[in-house]
Amino acid sequence: MELSIKTWVLLVSILCTGLTAGLCFTWSNAITPGIGRLDDLSFLQSFQGMNRAIINPSFLIVFFSPVVLLFLNVYFFKEAHRATFWSFLIAAILFFVGVGLITVFKNIPLNEMLDKASLETMSAIELKELREVFEKPWNRWHIQRTIASFTAFALVLLGMIYTK
């Protein structure tokens, strides 16, 4: 493989898509089940803290760059093997919809709702109600992101096999 812009975009998109899939997998399989065992206040405080900490430049670049990079792969490999082109196109659309749009329109609004809550001043009943409104929908949408990011990652790897 020559080290052209096309190759660099492919490599960085594989890396960022893989890192995002790994992050989603870890949250789905360790973080949310782990903090799910906590009492309401501890759960909500933990989620608030993680949501606030995760918003940083390195996370944002890795998490959202595949939205652009995967479509660049489609453009750069439009004349490549049909399997490569279609794998890259499906990966790009899947990541855009299943990670990008779900994050922006489903998970972020739930995160913002939680972030605005003054947990320390809430009653036990209010904490329980907030957790019920937040936890199940957030986890349901996150599972969709996990599946989408993993599948997009697998498709990019599959498409790369046929680039020659």
Protein backbone atom coordinates (compact mmCIF):
# COMPACT_ATOMS: atom_id res chain seq x y z
CA MET A 1 0.00 0.00 0.00
CA GLU A 2 1.36 3.40 -0.93
CA LEU A 3 1.16 6.14 1.66
CA SER A 4 -1.19 8.45 -0.21
CA ILE A 5 -3.95 10.62 1.23
CA LYS A 6 -6.32 7.81 0.26
CA THR A 7 -4.31 5.33 2.34
CA TRP A 8 -4.05 7.68 5.31
CA VAL A 9 -7.79 8.35 5.29
CA LEU A 10 -8.44 4.61 5.17
CA LEU A 11 -6.05 3.89 8.05
CA VAL A 12 -7.32 6.71 10.26
CA SER A 13 -10.94 5.79 9.54
CA ILE A 14 -10.23 2.17 10.51
CA LEU A 15 -8.48 3.30 13.69
CA CYS A 16 -11.19 5.76 14.75
CA THR A 17 -14.06 3.45 13.83
CA GLY A 18 -12.39 0.63 15.76
CA LEU A 19 -11.77 2.83 18.78
CA THR A 20 -15.39 3.99 18.74
CA ALA A 21 -16.64 0.41 18.44
CA GLY A 22 -14.40 -0.57 21.34
CA LEU A 23 -15.62 2.32 23.45
CA CYS A 24 -19.25 1.48 22.74
CA PHE A 25 -18.61 -2.21 23.45
CA THR A 26 -16.92 -1.38 26.77
CA TRP A 27 -19.76 0.90 27.86
CA SER A 28 -22.35 -1.73 26.91
CA ASN A 29 -20.57 -4.64 28.53
CA ALA A 30 -18.84 -3.20 31.57
CA ILE A 31 -19.60 0.41 32.44
CA THR A 32 -23.41 0.58 32.26
CA PRO A 33 -23.92 -2.88 33.81
CA GLY A 34 -21.44 -1.98 36.55
CA ILE A 35 -22.92 1.36 37.52
CA GLY A 36 -26.40 -0.10 36.99
CA ARG A 37 -25.86 -1.92 40.28
CA LEU A 38 -25.49 1.33 42.19
CA ASP A 39 -28.26 3.06 44.14
CA ASP A 40 -30.12 5.83 42.30
CA LEU A 41 -28.07 8.79 43.56
CA SER A 42 -24.72 7.05 43.00
CA PHE A 43 -25.79 5.87 39.55
CA LEU A 44 -26.93 9.32 38.45
CA GLN A 45 -23.85 11.03 39.93
CA SER A 46 -21.57 8.52 38.20
CA PHE A 47 -23.27 9.02 34.86
CA GLN A 48 -23.16 12.79 35.24
CA GLY A 49 -19.46 12.65 36.04
CA MET A 50 -18.62 10.37 33.11
CA ASN A 51 -20.73 12.43 30.69
CA ARG A 52 -18.90 15.57 31.77
CA ALA A 53 -15.46 13.96 31.59
CA ILE A 54 -15.91 12.33 28.20
CA ILE A 55 -16.58 15.62 26.40
CA ASN A 56 -12.99 16.47 25.49
CA PRO A 57 -11.15 17.07 22.22
CA SER A 58 -9.57 13.62 21.88
CA PHE A 59 -12.88 11.85 22.44
CA LEU A 60 -14.79 14.13 20.09
CA ILE A 61 -12.23 13.70 17.29
CA VAL A 62 -12.10 9.91 17.58
CA PHE A 63 -15.86 9.47 18.06
CA PHE A 64 -17.10 11.77 15.30
CA SER A 65 -14.32 11.68 12.68
CA PRO A 66 -15.59 8.41 11.14
CA VAL A 67 -18.74 10.29 10.11
CA VAL A 68 -16.57 12.20 7.60
CA LEU A 69 -13.71 9.74 7.02
CA LEU A 70 -15.94 6.81 6.11
CA PHE A 71 -17.64 8.87 3.40
CA LEU A 72 -14.21 9.98 2.14
CA ASN A 73 -13.36 6.29 1.77
CA VAL A 74 -16.45 5.86 -0.39
CA TYR A 75 -15.25 8.70 -2.61
CA PHE A 76 -11.62 7.56 -2.77
CA PHE A 77 -12.55 3.95 -3.47
CA LYS A 78 -15.44 4.54 -5.87
CA GLU A 79 -13.48 2.80 -8.66
CA ALA A 80 -12.23 -0.03 -6.43
CA HIS A 81 -13.55 -3.56 -6.27
CA ARG A 82 -17.35 -3.59 -5.92
CA ALA A 83 -17.09 -5.32 -2.54
CA THR A 84 -14.83 -2.55 -1.28
CA PHE A 85 -17.08 0.23 -2.53
CA TRP A 86 -20.26 -1.31 -1.13
CA SER A 87 -18.64 -2.23 2.20
CA PHE A 88 -17.37 1.31 2.60
CA LEU A 89 -20.70 2.85 1.58
CA ILE A 90 -22.75 0.70 3.93
CA ALA A 91 -20.24 1.32 6.75
CA ALA A 92 -20.44 5.08 6.20
CA ILE A 93 -24.23 5.18 6.18
CA LEU A 94 -24.48 2.82 9.14
CA PHE A 95 -22.03 4.82 11.22
CA PHE A 96 -23.64 8.14 10.29
CA VAL A 97 -27.15 6.96 11.20
CA GLY A 98 -26.40 4.39 13.90
CA VAL A 99 -23.74 6.31 15.77
CA GLY A 100 -23.83 9.94 14.64
CA LEU A 101 -27.56 10.60 14.47
CA ILE A 102 -28.46 8.41 17.43
CA THR A 103 -25.83 10.17 19.53
CA VAL A 104 -26.94 13.66 18.54
CA PHE A 105 -30.71 13.11 18.65
CA LYS A 106 -31.13 10.45 21.35
CA ASN A 107 -28.21 10.04 23.77
CA ILE A 108 -27.07 13.67 23.98
CA PRO A 109 -30.54 14.99 24.88
CA LEU A 110 -30.73 12.40 27.66
CA ASN A 111 -27.22 13.38 28.82
CA GLU A 112 -28.21 17.06 28.82
CA MET A 113 -31.38 16.32 30.80
CA LEU A 114 -29.29 14.48 33.40
CA ASP A 115 -26.62 17.20 33.43
CA LYS A 116 -29.21 19.86 34.33
CA ALA A 117 -30.46 17.88 37.32
CA SER A 118 -29.33 19.06 40.73
CA LEU A 119 -29.05 15.57 42.18
CA GLU A 120 -28.03 16.55 45.69
CA THR A 121 -31.28 18.48 46.23
CA MET A 122 -33.61 15.78 44.87
CA SER A 123 -35.70 13.45 47.01
CA ALA A 124 -35.32 9.68 46.79
CA ILE A 125 -38.54 9.52 44.76
CA GLU A 126 -37.32 12.19 42.33
CA LEU A 127 -33.99 10.38 41.90
CA LYS A 128 -35.79 7.12 41.18
CA GLU A 129 -38.06 8.83 38.62
CA LEU A 130 -35.11 10.54 36.92
CA ARG A 131 -33.22 7.27 36.72
CA GLU A 132 -36.25 5.53 35.19
CA VAL A 133 -36.61 8.25 32.55
CA PHE A 134 -32.88 8.20 31.77
CA GLU A 135 -31.38 4.73 32.18
CA LYS A 136 -33.46 2.41 29.98
CA PRO A 137 -33.77 4.76 27.00
CA TRP A 138 -30.07 5.68 27.17
CA ASN A 139 -29.02 2.02 27.29
CA ARG A 140 -31.44 1.05 24.51
CA TRP A 141 -30.04 3.72 22.18
CA HIS A 142 -26.48 2.94 23.20
CA ILE A 143 -26.91 -0.73 22.26
CA GLN A 144 -27.91 0.47 18.79
CA ARG A 145 -24.71 2.55 18.64
CA THR A 146 -22.68 -0.45 19.74
CA ILE A 147 -24.13 -2.67 17.02
CA ALA A 148 -23.77 0.05 14.37
CA SER A 149 -20.17 0.91 15.27
CA PHE A 150 -19.09 -2.73 15.44
CA THR A 151 -20.75 -3.52 12.10
CA ALA A 152 -19.27 -0.43 10.44
CA PHE A 153 -15.83 -1.41 11.73
CA ALA A 154 -16.21 -4.96 10.40
CA LEU A 155 -17.37 -3.63 7.01
CA VAL A 156 -14.39 -1.29 6.70
CA LEU A 157 -12.04 -4.15 7.49
CA LEU A 158 -13.84 -6.36 4.97
CA GLY A 159 -13.71 -3.64 2.32
CA MET A 160 -10.00 -3.16 2.91
CA ILE A 161 -9.38 -6.83 2.04
CA TYR A 162 -10.64 -6.19 -1.48
CA THR A 163 -8.80 -2.91 -2.14
CA LYS A 164 -6.09 -4.59 -4.26
